[in-house]
Every structure is written in C-alpha cells, then in structure tokens.
Amino acid sequence: MFLLPVDASGLADVKAYNVLYTLIFKFEEYTKNGARYLKVVSSKITMEPESMTFYFENLFEDKELNDAYSRALTKKSKEIFIMLQYAYGDSYARAYSDIFNNLLSKVPLTELFEGV
C-alpha cells in the first residue's frame, strides 16, 4: 500500500463551464390578508456541466504531484460530478427555493398571473 500525506489547508479551485440547469418547483397556494399567494414546497435541480476543471494548490507536498492529481481529476470530471451532483443539487435547490419564496411572499398571485 502506498500512502501520501495530504494537507487540506491549501487553496482549491473547481470550475464548471456551460452548465445547463433545470429547476422544478412544486407550489402550494395560501391566503394572507385576503390575498392568494404561492410558496415553494419542494424543489429539484439537475445540473449538467459541459466540462469542469480542478486545481488543488497544496494537497501534497510536491507541486508536480499536485498538478498531476488536478489534471487526473479534470480528465475524470464528468464521473466526479455524477458522484457530487446530489450534494451540490440539494443545496442549490434549497437556495433557489428560498430566493423564490422571498419574492412569492411579497407578490400576490393575481399580480404574478393575469386573470388568476
């Protein structure tokens, strides 16, 4: 077995390029002060990056090893993203829901959609 010391205190840079986002919201209607409003009760997001790059500055004590590791991760970026997408997706979906709910709580349904 071959072990290397890992130092997680250095800088890391992970970039995703040309990401296609698909957001799906499920809403419920409620009444406040006689007006009808919507709120997000669940959300789901899918993300499909065209490509990704990884760079870890100080993961290992050797710069060449850091660079090689970063290149290897970049080559396998699609596979790595598949493993990480649920963790990213859940936090992004919650953030978009919070932002959307903030708007929806201030604008009645009749102002959002004409004739409703």
PDB file of N, CA and C in Angstrom:
ATOM      1  N   MET A   1       0.842  -1.173   0.000  1.00  0.00           N
ATOM      2  CA  MET A   1       0.000   0.000   0.000  1.00  0.00           C
ATOM      3  C   MET A   1       0.884   1.232   0.000  1.00  0.00           C
ATOM      4  N   PHE A   2       0.516   2.214  -0.798  1.00  0.00           N
ATOM      5  CA  PHE A   2       1.278   3.432  -0.976  1.00  0.00           C
ATOM      6  C   PHE A   2       0.480   4.592  -0.394  1.00  0.00           C
ATOM      7  N   LEU A   3       0.976   5.221   0.650  1.00  0.00           N
ATOM      8  CA  LEU A   3       0.274   6.328   1.289  1.00  0.00           C
ATOM      9  C   LEU A   3       1.079   7.604   1.173  1.00  0.00           C
ATOM     10  N   LEU A   4       0.368   8.705   0.957  1.00  0.00           N
ATOM     11  CA  LEU A   4       0.989  10.017   0.891  1.00  0.00           C
ATOM     12  C   LEU A   4       0.334  10.917   1.928  1.00  0.00           C
ATOM     13  N   PRO A   5       1.115  11.786   2.544  1.00  0.00           N
ATOM     14  CA  PRO A   5       0.493  12.748   3.459  1.00  0.00           C
ATOM     15  C   PRO A   5      -0.333  13.762   2.663  1.00  0.00           C
ATOM     16  N   VAL A   6      -1.521  14.055   3.151  1.00  0.00           N
ATOM     17  CA  VAL A   6      -2.419  15.004   2.495  1.00  0.00           C
ATOM     18  C   VAL A   6      -2.608  16.191   3.419  1.00  0.00           C
ATOM     19  N   ASP A   7      -2.483  17.393   2.849  1.00  0.00           N
ATOM     20  CA  ASP A   7      -2.676  18.628   3.605  1.00  0.00           C
ATOM     21  C   ASP A   7      -3.835  19.373   2.957  1.00  0.00           C
ATOM     22  N   ALA A   8      -4.941  19.478   3.638  1.00  0.00           N
ATOM     23  CA  ALA A   8      -6.141  20.106   3.062  1.00  0.00           C
ATOM     24  C   ALA A   8      -6.211  21.600   3.348  1.00  0.00           C
ATOM     25  N   SER A   9      -5.105  22.226   3.726  1.00  0.00           N
ATOM     26  CA  SER A   9      -5.151  23.644   4.083  1.00  0.00           C
ATOM     27  C   SER A   9      -4.888  24.578   2.908  1.00  0.00           C
ATOM     28  N   GLY A  10      -4.548  24.060   1.749  1.00  0.00           N
ATOM     29  CA  GLY A  10      -4.242  24.916   0.605  1.00  0.00           C
ATOM     30  C   GLY A  10      -5.481  25.351  -0.156  1.00  0.00           C
ATOM     31  N   LEU A  11      -5.249  26.188  -1.152  1.00  0.00           N
ATOM     32  CA  LEU A  11      -6.335  26.687  -1.989  1.00  0.00           C
ATOM     33  C   LEU A  11      -6.794  25.609  -2.960  1.00  0.00           C
ATOM     34  N   ALA A  12      -8.074  25.662  -3.266  1.00  0.00           N
ATOM     35  CA  ALA A  12      -8.650  24.759  -4.264  1.00  0.00           C
ATOM     36  C   ALA A  12      -9.487  25.594  -5.214  1.00  0.00           C
ATOM     37  N   ASP A  13      -9.530  25.181  -6.463  1.00  0.00           N
ATOM     38  CA  ASP A  13     -10.312  25.882  -7.470  1.00  0.00           C
ATOM     39  C   ASP A  13     -11.035  24.831  -8.306  1.00  0.00           C
ATOM     40  N   VAL A  14     -12.353  24.833  -8.236  1.00  0.00           N
ATOM     41  CA  VAL A  14     -13.167  23.917  -9.025  1.00  0.00           C
ATOM     42  C   VAL A  14     -14.093  24.781  -9.865  1.00  0.00           C
ATOM     43  N   LYS A  15     -14.026  24.621 -11.179  1.00  0.00           N
ATOM     44  CA  LYS A  15     -14.852  25.423 -12.081  1.00  0.00           C
ATOM     45  C   LYS A  15     -15.667  24.507 -12.978  1.00  0.00           C
ATOM     46  N   ALA A  16     -16.928  24.897 -13.170  1.00  0.00           N
ATOM     47  CA  ALA A  16     -17.814  24.190 -14.092  1.00  0.00           C
ATOM     48  C   ALA A  16     -18.140  25.160 -15.219  1.00  0.00           C
ATOM     49  N   TYR A  17     -18.116  24.660 -16.450  1.00  0.00           N
ATOM     50  CA  TYR A  17     -18.325  25.505 -17.625  1.00  0.00           C
ATOM     51  C   TYR A  17     -19.594  25.100 -18.371  1.00  0.00           C
ATOM     52  N   ASN A  18     -20.302  26.127 -18.865  1.00  0.00           N
ATOM     53  CA  ASN A  18     -21.507  25.924 -19.675  1.00  0.00           C
ATOM     54  C   ASN A  18     -22.452  24.918 -19.027  1.00  0.00           C
ATOM     55  N   VAL A  19     -22.910  25.277 -17.846  1.00  0.00           N
ATOM     56  CA  VAL A  19     -23.775  24.386 -17.075  1.00  0.00           C
ATOM     57  C   VAL A  19     -25.231  24.600 -17.484  1.00  0.00           C
ATOM     58  N   LEU A  20     -25.920  23.513 -17.805  1.00  0.00           N
ATOM     59  CA  LEU A  20     -27.348  23.547 -18.073  1.00  0.00           C
ATOM     60  C   LEU A  20     -28.061  23.208 -16.773  1.00  0.00           C
ATOM     61  N   TYR A  21     -28.874  24.146 -16.276  1.00  0.00           N
ATOM     62  CA  TYR A  21     -29.639  23.957 -15.050  1.00  0.00           C
ATOM     63  C   TYR A  21     -31.097  23.705 -15.410  1.00  0.00           C
ATOM     64  N   THR A  22     -31.704  22.732 -14.765  1.00  0.00           N
ATOM     65  CA  THR A  22     -33.145  22.506 -14.865  1.00  0.00           C
ATOM     66  C   THR A  22     -33.692  22.521 -13.446  1.00  0.00           C
ATOM     67  N   LEU A  23     -34.588  23.475 -13.192  1.00  0.00           N
ATOM     68  CA  LEU A  23     -35.198  23.621 -11.872  1.00  0.00           C
ATOM     69  C   LEU A  23     -36.667  23.242 -11.957  1.00  0.00           C
ATOM     70  N   ILE A  24     -37.116  22.432 -11.019  1.00  0.00           N
ATOM     71  CA  ILE A  24     -38.522  22.050 -10.934  1.00  0.00           C
ATOM     72  C   ILE A  24     -39.010  22.417  -9.534  1.00  0.00           C
ATOM     73  N   PHE A  25     -40.057  23.247  -9.491  1.00  0.00           N
ATOM     74  CA  PHE A  25     -40.640  23.669  -8.222  1.00  0.00           C
ATOM     75  C   PHE A  25     -42.039  23.100  -8.100  1.00  0.00           C
ATOM     76  N   LYS A  26     -42.414  22.710  -6.892  1.00  0.00           N
ATOM     77  CA  LYS A  26     -43.783  22.334  -6.567  1.00  0.00           C
ATOM     78  C   LYS A  26     -44.304  23.408  -5.620  1.00  0.00           C
ATOM     79  N   PHE A  27     -45.493  23.943  -5.932  1.00  0.00           N
ATOM     80  CA  PHE A  27     -46.049  25.064  -5.185  1.00  0.00           C
ATOM     81  C   PHE A  27     -47.299  24.659  -4.421  1.00  0.00           C
ATOM     82  N   GLU A  28     -47.583  25.442  -3.381  1.00  0.00           N
ATOM     83  CA  GLU A  28     -48.863  25.391  -2.682  1.00  0.00           C
ATOM     84  C   GLU A  28     -49.386  26.812  -2.628  1.00  0.00           C
ATOM     85  N   GLU A  29     -50.712  26.914  -2.678  1.00  0.00           N
ATOM     86  CA  GLU A  29     -51.348  28.218  -2.567  1.00  0.00           C
ATOM     87  C   GLU A  29     -51.780  28.435  -1.120  1.00  0.00           C
ATOM     88  N   TYR A  30     -51.686  29.679  -0.642  1.00  0.00           N
ATOM     89  CA  TYR A  30     -52.167  30.035   0.682  1.00  0.00           C
ATOM     90  C   TYR A  30     -52.743  31.448   0.636  1.00  0.00           C
ATOM     91  N   THR A  31     -53.512  31.792   1.654  1.00  0.00           N
ATOM     92  CA  THR A  31     -54.134  33.114   1.724  1.00  0.00           C
ATOM     93  C   THR A  31     -53.536  33.893   2.883  1.00  0.00           C
ATOM     94  N   LYS A  32     -53.225  35.162   2.592  1.00  0.00           N
ATOM     95  CA  LYS A  32     -52.673  36.062   3.610  1.00  0.00           C
ATOM     96  C   LYS A  32     -53.315  37.434   3.395  1.00  0.00           C
ATOM     97  N   ASN A  33     -53.947  37.966   4.437  1.00  0.00           N
ATOM     98  CA  ASN A  33     -54.616  39.271   4.368  1.00  0.00           C
ATOM     99  C   ASN A  33     -55.608  39.350   3.207  1.00  0.00           C
ATOM    100  N   GLY A  34     -56.310  38.245   2.959  1.00  0.00           N
ATOM    101  CA  GLY A  34     -57.323  38.201   1.915  1.00  0.00           C
ATOM    102  C   GLY A  34     -56.796  38.014   0.503  1.00  0.00           C
ATOM    103  N   ALA A  35     -55.502  37.953   0.339  1.00  0.00           N
ATOM    104  CA  ALA A  35     -54.906  37.760  -0.991  1.00  0.00           C
ATOM    105  C   ALA A  35     -54.312  36.353  -1.090  1.00  0.00           C
ATOM    106  N   ARG A  36     -54.299  35.818  -2.311  1.00  0.00           N
ATOM    107  CA  ARG A  36     -53.748  34.479  -2.541  1.00  0.00           C
ATOM    108  C   ARG A  36     -52.274  34.591  -2.945  1.00  0.00           C
ATOM    109  N   TYR A  37     -51.483  33.713  -2.362  1.00  0.00           N
ATOM    110  CA  TYR A  37     -50.047  33.681  -2.628  1.00  0.00           C
ATOM    111  C   TYR A  37     -49.630  32.244  -2.932  1.00  0.00           C
ATOM    112  N   LEU A  38     -48.435  32.115  -3.500  1.00  0.00           N
ATOM    113  CA  LEU A  38     -47.829  30.804  -3.715  1.00  0.00           C
ATOM    114  C   LEU A  38     -46.589  30.684  -2.852  1.00  0.00           C
ATOM    115  N   LYS A  39     -46.254  29.427  -2.503  1.00  0.00           N
ATOM    116  CA  LYS A  39     -44.968  29.173  -1.852  1.00  0.00           C
ATOM    117  C   LYS A  39     -44.414  27.867  -2.407  1.00  0.00           C
ATOM    118  N   VAL A  40     -43.103  27.808  -2.494  1.00  0.00           N
ATOM    119  CA  VAL A  40     -42.418  26.602  -2.943  1.00  0.00           C
ATOM    120  C   VAL A  40     -42.425  25.608  -1.786  1.00  0.00           C
ATOM    121  N   VAL A  41     -42.917  24.395  -2.048  1.00  0.00           N
ATOM    122  CA  VAL A  41     -42.918  23.375  -1.000  1.00  0.00           C
ATOM    123  C   VAL A  41     -41.895  22.281  -1.275  1.00  0.00           C
ATOM    124  N   SER A  42     -41.463  22.180  -2.518  1.00  0.00           N
ATOM    125  CA  SER A  42     -40.365  21.262  -2.833  1.00  0.00           C
ATOM    126  C   SER A  42     -39.703  21.737  -4.122  1.00  0.00           C
ATOM    127  N   SER A  43     -38.463  21.364  -4.269  1.00  0.00           N
ATOM    128  CA  SER A  43     -37.722  21.759  -5.468  1.00  0.00           C
ATOM    129  C   SER A  43     -36.708  20.684  -5.819  1.00  0.00           C
ATOM    130  N   LYS A  44     -36.396  20.652  -7.084  1.00  0.00           N
ATOM    131  CA  LYS A  44     -35.401  19.697  -7.581  1.00  0.00           C
ATOM    132  C   LYS A  44     -34.594  20.407  -8.661  1.00  0.00           C
ATOM    133  N   ILE A  45     -33.328  20.138  -8.685  1.00  0.00           N
ATOM    134  CA  ILE A  45     -32.475  20.741  -9.690  1.00  0.00           C
ATOM    135  C   ILE A  45     -31.600  19.663 -10.312  1.00  0.00           C
ATOM    136  N   THR A  46     -31.399  19.775 -11.594  1.00  0.00           N
ATOM    137  CA  THR A  46     -30.393  18.951 -12.257  1.00  0.00           C
ATOM    138  C   THR A  46     -29.400  19.915 -12.904  1.00  0.00           C
ATOM    139  N   MET A  47     -28.153  19.528 -12.866  1.00  0.00           N
ATOM    140  CA  MET A  47     -27.088  20.350 -13.434  1.00  0.00           C
ATOM    141  C   MET A  47     -26.265  19.473 -14.362  1.00  0.00           C
ATOM    142  N   GLU A  48     -25.974  19.993 -15.529  1.00  0.00           N
ATOM    143  CA  GLU A  48     -25.156  19.263 -16.493  1.00  0.00           C
ATOM    144  C   GLU A  48     -24.053  20.173 -17.011  1.00  0.00           C
ATOM    145  N   PRO A  49     -22.866  20.111 -16.397  1.00  0.00           N
ATOM    146  CA  PRO A  49     -21.768  20.935 -16.899  1.00  0.00           C
ATOM    147  C   PRO A  49     -21.185  20.326 -18.177  1.00  0.00           C
ATOM    148  N   GLU A  50     -20.826  21.191 -19.094  1.00  0.00           N
ATOM    149  CA  GLU A  50     -20.164  20.717 -20.314  1.00  0.00           C
ATOM    150  C   GLU A  50     -18.781  20.175 -19.976  1.00  0.00           C
ATOM    151  N   SER A  51     -18.096  20.889 -19.080  1.00  0.00           N
ATOM    152  CA  SER A  51     -16.780  20.444 -18.624  1.00  0.00           C
ATOM    153  C   SER A  51     -16.478  21.066 -17.268  1.00  0.00           C
ATOM    154  N   MET A  52     -15.454  20.532 -16.624  1.00  0.00           N
ATOM    155  CA  MET A  52     -15.026  21.047 -15.327  1.00  0.00           C
ATOM    156  C   MET A  52     -13.507  20.983 -15.239  1.00  0.00           C
ATOM    157  N   THR A  53     -12.965  21.867 -14.415  1.00  0.00           N
ATOM    158  CA  THR A  53     -11.535  21.805 -14.115  1.00  0.00           C
ATOM    159  C   THR A  53     -11.356  21.819 -12.602  1.00  0.00           C
ATOM    160  N   PHE A  54     -10.328  21.135 -12.167  1.00  0.00           N
ATOM    161  CA  PHE A  54      -9.982  21.051 -10.750  1.00  0.00           C
ATOM    162  C   PHE A  54      -8.537  21.487 -10.581  1.00  0.00           C
ATOM    163  N   TYR A  55      -8.269  22.217  -9.513  1.00  0.00           N
ATOM    164  CA  TYR A  55      -6.896  22.535  -9.172  1.00  0.00           C
ATOM    165  C   TYR A  55      -6.765  22.606  -7.654  1.00  0.00           C
ATOM    166  N   PHE A  56      -5.815  21.853  -7.129  1.00  0.00           N
ATOM    167  CA  PHE A  56      -5.509  21.871  -5.705  1.00  0.00           C
ATOM    168  C   PHE A  56      -4.073  22.334  -5.554  1.00  0.00           C
ATOM    169  N   GLU A  57      -3.886  23.431  -4.836  1.00  0.00           N
ATOM    170  CA  GLU A  57      -2.577  24.059  -4.739  1.00  0.00           C
ATOM    171  C   GLU A  57      -1.625  23.329  -3.801  1.00  0.00           C
ATOM    172  N   ASN A  58      -2.127  22.844  -2.670  1.00  0.00           N
ATOM    173  CA  ASN A  58      -1.216  22.356  -1.645  1.00  0.00           C
ATOM    174  C   ASN A  58      -1.692  21.033  -1.043  1.00  0.00           C
ATOM    175  N   LEU A  59      -2.310  20.199  -1.857  1.00  0.00           N
ATOM    176  CA  LEU A  59      -2.845  18.949  -1.335  1.00  0.00           C
ATOM    177  C   LEU A  59      -1.710  18.006  -0.912  1.00  0.00           C
ATOM    178  N   PHE A  60      -0.687  17.981  -1.722  1.00  0.00           N
ATOM    179  CA  PHE A  60       0.500  17.172  -1.421  1.00  0.00           C
ATOM    180  C   PHE A  60       1.696  18.108  -1.292  1.00  0.00           C
ATOM    181  N   GLU A  61       2.764  17.642  -0.731  1.00  0.00           N
ATOM    182  CA  GLU A  61       3.952  18.479  -0.551  1.00  0.00           C
ATOM    183  C   GLU A  61       4.693  18.728  -1.860  1.00  0.00           C
ATOM    184  N   ASP A  62       4.378  17.988  -2.889  1.00  0.00           N
ATOM    185  CA  ASP A  62       5.084  18.057  -4.168  1.00  0.00           C
ATOM    186  C   ASP A  62       4.205  18.748  -5.216  1.00  0.00           C
ATOM    187  N   LYS A  63       4.700  19.854  -5.824  1.00  0.00           N
ATOM    188  CA  LYS A  63       3.923  20.610  -6.801  1.00  0.00           C
ATOM    189  C   LYS A  63       3.590  19.763  -8.023  1.00  0.00           C
ATOM    190  N   GLU A  64       4.532  18.971  -8.485  1.00  0.00           N
ATOM    191  CA  GLU A  64       4.273  18.126  -9.661  1.00  0.00           C
ATOM    192  C   GLU A  64       3.156  17.113  -9.377  1.00  0.00           C
ATOM    193  N   LEU A  65       3.159  16.573  -8.180  1.00  0.00           N
ATOM    194  CA  LEU A  65       2.112  15.632  -7.800  1.00  0.00           C
ATOM    195  C   LEU A  65       0.762  16.342  -7.701  1.00  0.00           C
ATOM    196  N   ASN A  66       0.733  17.553  -7.137  1.00  0.00           N
ATOM    197  CA  ASN A  66      -0.499  18.351  -7.096  1.00  0.00           C
ATOM    198  C   ASN A  66      -1.036  18.586  -8.505  1.00  0.00           C
ATOM    199  N   ASP A  67      -0.158  19.004  -9.396  1.00  0.00           N
ATOM    200  CA  ASP A  67      -0.574  19.306 -10.765  1.00  0.00           C
ATOM    201  C   ASP A  67      -1.077  18.054 -11.482  1.00  0.00           C
ATOM    202  N   ALA A  68      -0.385  16.942 -11.282  1.00  0.00           N
ATOM    203  CA  ALA A  68      -0.799  15.688 -11.916  1.00  0.00           C
ATOM    204  C   ALA A  68      -2.152  15.223 -11.371  1.00  0.00           C
ATOM    205  N   TYR A  69      -2.336  15.357 -10.078  1.00  0.00           N
ATOM    206  CA  TYR A  69      -3.608  14.969  -9.453  1.00  0.00           C
ATOM    207  C   TYR A  69      -4.749  15.843  -9.991  1.00  0.00           C
ATOM    208  N   SER A  70      -4.498  17.135 -10.087  1.00  0.00           N
ATOM    209  CA  SER A  70      -5.502  18.059 -10.610  1.00  0.00           C
ATOM    210  C   SER A  70      -5.853  17.721 -12.058  1.00  0.00           C
ATOM    211  N   ARG A  71      -4.855  17.401 -12.867  1.00  0.00           N
ATOM    212  CA  ARG A  71      -5.106  17.014 -14.270  1.00  0.00           C
ATOM    213  C   ARG A  71      -5.921  15.726 -14.337  1.00  0.00           C
ATOM    214  N   ALA A  72      -5.605  14.769 -13.485  1.00  0.00           N
ATOM    215  CA  ALA A  72      -6.337  13.494 -13.469  1.00  0.00           C
ATOM    216  C   ALA A  72      -7.797  13.712 -13.081  1.00  0.00           C
ATOM    217  N   LEU A  73      -8.050  14.557 -12.091  1.00  0.00           N
ATOM    218  CA  LEU A  73      -9.426  14.866 -11.707  1.00  0.00           C
ATOM    219  C   LEU A  73     -10.166  15.567 -12.844  1.00  0.00           C
ATOM    220  N   THR A  74      -9.490  16.478 -13.514  1.00  0.00           N
ATOM    221  CA  THR A  74     -10.107  17.202 -14.624  1.00  0.00           C
ATOM    222  C   THR A  74     -10.487  16.239 -15.744  1.00  0.00           C
ATOM    223  N   LYS A  75      -9.630  15.277 -16.040  1.00  0.00           N
ATOM    224  CA  LYS A  75      -9.936  14.283 -17.087  1.00  0.00           C
ATOM    225  C   LYS A  75     -11.166  13.448 -16.725  1.00  0.00           C
ATOM    226  N   LYS A  76     -11.372  13.207 -15.451  1.00  0.00           N
ATOM    227  CA  LYS A  76     -12.498  12.387 -14.985  1.00  0.00           C
ATOM    228  C   LYS A  76     -13.629  13.248 -14.412  1.00  0.00           C
ATOM    229  N   SER A  77     -13.701  14.500 -14.845  1.00  0.00           N
ATOM    230  CA  SER A  77     -14.636  15.444 -14.229  1.00  0.00           C
ATOM    231  C   SER A  77     -16.098  15.015 -14.353  1.00  0.00           C
ATOM    232  N   LYS A  78     -16.488  14.430 -15.463  1.00  0.00           N
ATOM    233  CA  LYS A  78     -17.893  14.008 -15.609  1.00  0.00           C
ATOM    234  C   LYS A  78     -18.239  12.927 -14.584  1.00  0.00           C
ATOM    235  N   GLU A  79     -17.355  11.968 -14.391  1.00  0.00           N
ATOM    236  CA  GLU A  79     -17.595  10.905 -13.416  1.00  0.00           C
ATOM    237  C   GLU A  79     -17.614  11.461 -11.992  1.00  0.00           C
ATOM    238  N   ILE A  80     -16.714  12.392 -11.711  1.00  0.00           N
ATOM    239  CA  ILE A  80     -16.648  13.003 -10.381  1.00  0.00           C
ATOM    240  C   ILE A  80     -17.914  13.807 -10.118  1.00  0.00           C
ATOM    241  N   PHE A  81     -18.371  14.554 -11.132  1.00  0.00           N
ATOM    242  CA  PHE A  81     -19.575  15.358 -10.934  1.00  0.00           C
ATOM    243  C   PHE A  81     -20.791  14.477 -10.655  1.00  0.00           C
ATOM    244  N   ILE A  82     -20.883  13.333 -11.298  1.00  0.00           N
ATOM    245  CA  ILE A  82     -22.001  12.415 -11.052  1.00  0.00           C
ATOM    246  C   ILE A  82     -22.039  12.030  -9.575  1.00  0.00           C
ATOM    247  N   MET A  83     -20.878  11.817  -8.977  1.00  0.00           N
ATOM    248  CA  MET A  83     -20.826  11.452  -7.562  1.00  0.00           C
ATOM    249  C   MET A  83     -21.184  12.625  -6.652  1.00  0.00           C
ATOM    250  N   LEU A  84     -20.895  13.852  -7.074  1.00  0.00           N
ATOM    251  CA  LEU A  84     -21.090  15.026  -6.228  1.00  0.00           C
ATOM    252  C   LEU A  84     -22.396  15.771  -6.482  1.00  0.00           C
ATOM    253  N   GLN A  85     -23.066  15.471  -7.593  1.00  0.00           N
ATOM    254  CA  GLN A  85     -24.193  16.303  -8.006  1.00  0.00           C
ATOM    255  C   GLN A  85     -25.333  16.357  -6.996  1.00  0.00           C
ATOM    256  N   TYR A  86     -25.573  15.296  -6.251  1.00  0.00           N
ATOM    257  CA  TYR A  86     -26.680  15.323  -5.302  1.00  0.00           C
ATOM    258  C   TYR A  86     -26.389  16.261  -4.142  1.00  0.00           C
ATOM    259  N   ALA A  87     -25.163  16.274  -3.672  1.00  0.00           N
ATOM    260  CA  ALA A  87     -24.800  17.203  -2.596  1.00  0.00           C
ATOM    261  C   ALA A  87     -24.904  18.647  -3.085  1.00  0.00           C
ATOM    262  N   TYR A  88     -24.375  18.913  -4.271  1.00  0.00           N
ATOM    263  CA  TYR A  88     -24.495  20.251  -4.849  1.00  0.00           C
ATOM    264  C   TYR A  88     -25.953  20.571  -5.142  1.00  0.00           C
ATOM    265  N   GLY A  89     -26.649  19.639  -5.761  1.00  0.00           N
ATOM    266  CA  GLY A  89     -28.025  19.863  -6.193  1.00  0.00           C
ATOM    267  C   GLY A  89     -28.951  20.200  -5.052  1.00  0.00           C
ATOM    268  N   ASP A  90     -28.858  19.478  -3.952  1.00  0.00           N
ATOM    269  CA  ASP A  90     -29.735  19.742  -2.805  1.00  0.00           C
ATOM    270  C   ASP A  90     -29.528  21.151  -2.252  1.00  0.00           C
ATOM    271  N   SER A  91     -28.286  21.559  -2.115  1.00  0.00           N
ATOM    272  CA  SER A  91     -28.034  22.892  -1.553  1.00  0.00           C
ATOM    273  C   SER A  91     -28.437  23.986  -2.539  1.00  0.00           C
ATOM    274  N   TYR A  92     -28.207  23.791  -3.840  1.00  0.00           N
ATOM    275  CA  TYR A  92     -28.633  24.775  -4.842  1.00  0.00           C
ATOM    276  C   TYR A  92     -30.153  24.861  -4.886  1.00  0.00           C
ATOM    277  N   ALA A  93     -30.837  23.729  -4.856  1.00  0.00           N
ATOM    278  CA  ALA A  93     -32.304  23.720  -4.912  1.00  0.00           C
ATOM    279  C   ALA A  93     -32.887  24.453  -3.709  1.00  0.00           C
ATOM    280  N   ARG A  94     -32.326  24.239  -2.526  1.00  0.00           N
ATOM    281  CA  ARG A  94     -32.801  24.944  -1.326  1.00  0.00           C
ATOM    282  C   ARG A  94     -32.579  26.455  -1.454  1.00  0.00           C
ATOM    283  N   ALA A  95     -31.420  26.826  -1.972  1.00  0.00           N
ATOM    284  CA  ALA A  95     -31.119  28.258  -2.119  1.00  0.00           C
ATOM    285  C   ALA A  95     -32.082  28.920  -3.105  1.00  0.00           C
ATOM    286  N   TYR A  96     -32.324  28.287  -4.247  1.00  0.00           N
ATOM    287  CA  TYR A  96     -33.263  28.860  -5.218  1.00  0.00           C
ATOM    288  C   TYR A  96     -34.676  28.903  -4.651  1.00  0.00           C
ATOM    289  N   SER A  97     -35.075  27.903  -3.888  1.00  0.00           N
ATOM    290  CA  SER A  97     -36.397  27.908  -3.247  1.00  0.00           C
ATOM    291  C   SER A  97     -36.524  29.073  -2.276  1.00  0.00           C
ATOM    292  N   ASP A  98     -35.499  29.305  -1.476  1.00  0.00           N
ATOM    293  CA  ASP A  98     -35.525  30.411  -0.516  1.00  0.00           C
ATOM    294  C   ASP A  98     -35.650  31.761  -1.234  1.00  0.00           C
ATOM    295  N   ILE A  99     -34.885  31.930  -2.295  1.00  0.00           N
ATOM    296  CA  ILE A  99     -34.943  33.183  -3.065  1.00  0.00           C
ATOM    297  C   ILE A  99     -36.326  33.364  -3.682  1.00  0.00           C
ATOM    298  N   PHE A 100     -36.842  32.309  -4.290  1.00  0.00           N
ATOM    299  CA  PHE A 100     -38.143  32.369  -4.938  1.00  0.00           C
ATOM    300  C   PHE A 100     -39.246  32.605  -3.908  1.00  0.00           C
ATOM    301  N   ASN A 101     -39.191  31.925  -2.760  1.00  0.00           N
ATOM    302  CA  ASN A 101     -40.190  32.123  -1.708  1.00  0.00           C
ATOM    303  C   ASN A 101     -40.161  33.551  -1.164  1.00  0.00           C
ATOM    304  N   ASN A 102     -39.001  34.148  -1.105  1.00  0.00           N
ATOM    305  CA  ASN A 102     -38.893  35.534  -0.667  1.00  0.00           C
ATOM    306  C   ASN A 102     -39.693  36.445  -1.601  1.00  0.00           C
ATOM    307  N   LEU A 103     -39.560  36.246  -2.895  1.00  0.00           N
ATOM    308  CA  LEU A 103     -40.328  37.024  -3.869  1.00  0.00           C
ATOM    309  C   LEU A 103     -41.816  36.692  -3.773  1.00  0.00           C
ATOM    310  N   LEU A 104     -42.143  35.407  -3.761  1.00  0.00           N
ATOM    311  CA  LEU A 104     -43.543  34.985  -3.764  1.00  0.00           C
ATOM    312  C   LEU A 104     -44.307  35.464  -2.530  1.00  0.00           C
ATOM    313  N   SER A 105     -43.632  35.612  -1.407  1.00  0.00           N
ATOM    314  CA  SER A 105     -44.307  36.067  -0.186  1.00  0.00           C
ATOM    315  C   SER A 105     -44.684  37.540  -0.260  1.00  0.00           C
ATOM    316  N   LYS A 106     -44.142  38.270  -1.213  1.00  0.00           N
ATOM    317  CA  LYS A 106     -44.397  39.708  -1.322  1.00  0.00           C
ATOM    318  C   LYS A 106     -45.330  40.070  -2.477  1.00  0.00           C
ATOM    319  N   VAL A 107     -45.548  39.129  -3.388  1.00  0.00           N
ATOM    320  CA  VAL A 107     -46.342  39.427  -4.583  1.00  0.00           C
ATOM    321  C   VAL A 107     -47.535  38.477  -4.648  1.00  0.00           C
ATOM    322  N   PRO A 108     -48.755  39.015  -4.543  1.00  0.00           N
ATOM    323  CA  PRO A 108     -49.935  38.147  -4.621  1.00  0.00           C
ATOM    324  C   PRO A 108     -50.040  37.447  -5.978  1.00  0.00           C
ATOM    325  N   LEU A 109     -50.717  36.335  -5.962  1.00  0.00           N
ATOM    326  CA  LEU A 109     -50.897  35.514  -7.159  1.00  0.00           C
ATOM    327  C   LEU A 109     -51.506  36.312  -8.308  1.00  0.00           C
ATOM    328  N   THR A 110     -52.446  37.206  -7.997  1.00  0.00           N
ATOM    329  CA  THR A 110     -53.108  37.992  -9.047  1.00  0.00           C
ATOM    330  C   THR A 110     -52.143  38.945  -9.747  1.00  0.00           C
ATOM    331  N   GLU A 111     -51.081  39.354  -9.063  1.00  0.00           N
ATOM    332  CA  GLU A 111     -50.082  40.218  -9.694  1.00  0.00           C
ATOM    333  C   GLU A 111     -49.067  39.418 -10.504  1.00  0.00           C
ATOM    334  N   LEU A 112     -48.909  38.160 -10.168  1.00  0.00           N
ATOM    335  CA  LEU A 112     -47.976  37.304 -10.912  1.00  0.00           C
ATOM    336  C   LEU A 112     -48.559  36.856 -12.242  1.00  0.00           C
ATOM    337  N   PHE A 113     -49.858  36.489 -12.207  1.00  0.00           N
ATOM    338  CA  PHE A 113     -50.505  35.937 -13.389  1.00  0.00           C
ATOM    339  C   PHE A 113     -51.806  36.687 -13.646  1.00  0.00           C
ATOM    340  N   GLU A 114     -51.936  37.235 -14.824  1.00  0.00           N
ATOM    341  CA  GLU A 114     -53.123  37.970 -15.191  1.00  0.00           C
ATOM    342  C   GLU A 114     -54.340  37.035 -15.262  1.00  0.00           C
ATOM    343  N   GLY A 115     -55.452  37.464 -14.715  1.00  0.00           N
ATOM    344  CA  GLY A 115     -56.690  36.691 -14.798  1.00  0.00           C
ATOM    345  C   GLY A 115     -56.826  35.576 -13.780  1.00  0.00           C
ATOM    346  N   VAL A 116     -55.913  35.483 -12.826  1.00  0.00           N
ATOM    347  CA  VAL A 116     -55.995  34.427 -11.813  1.00  0.00           C
ATOM    348  C   VAL A 116     -56.724  34.921 -10.593  1.00  0.00           C
TER     349      VAL A 116
END
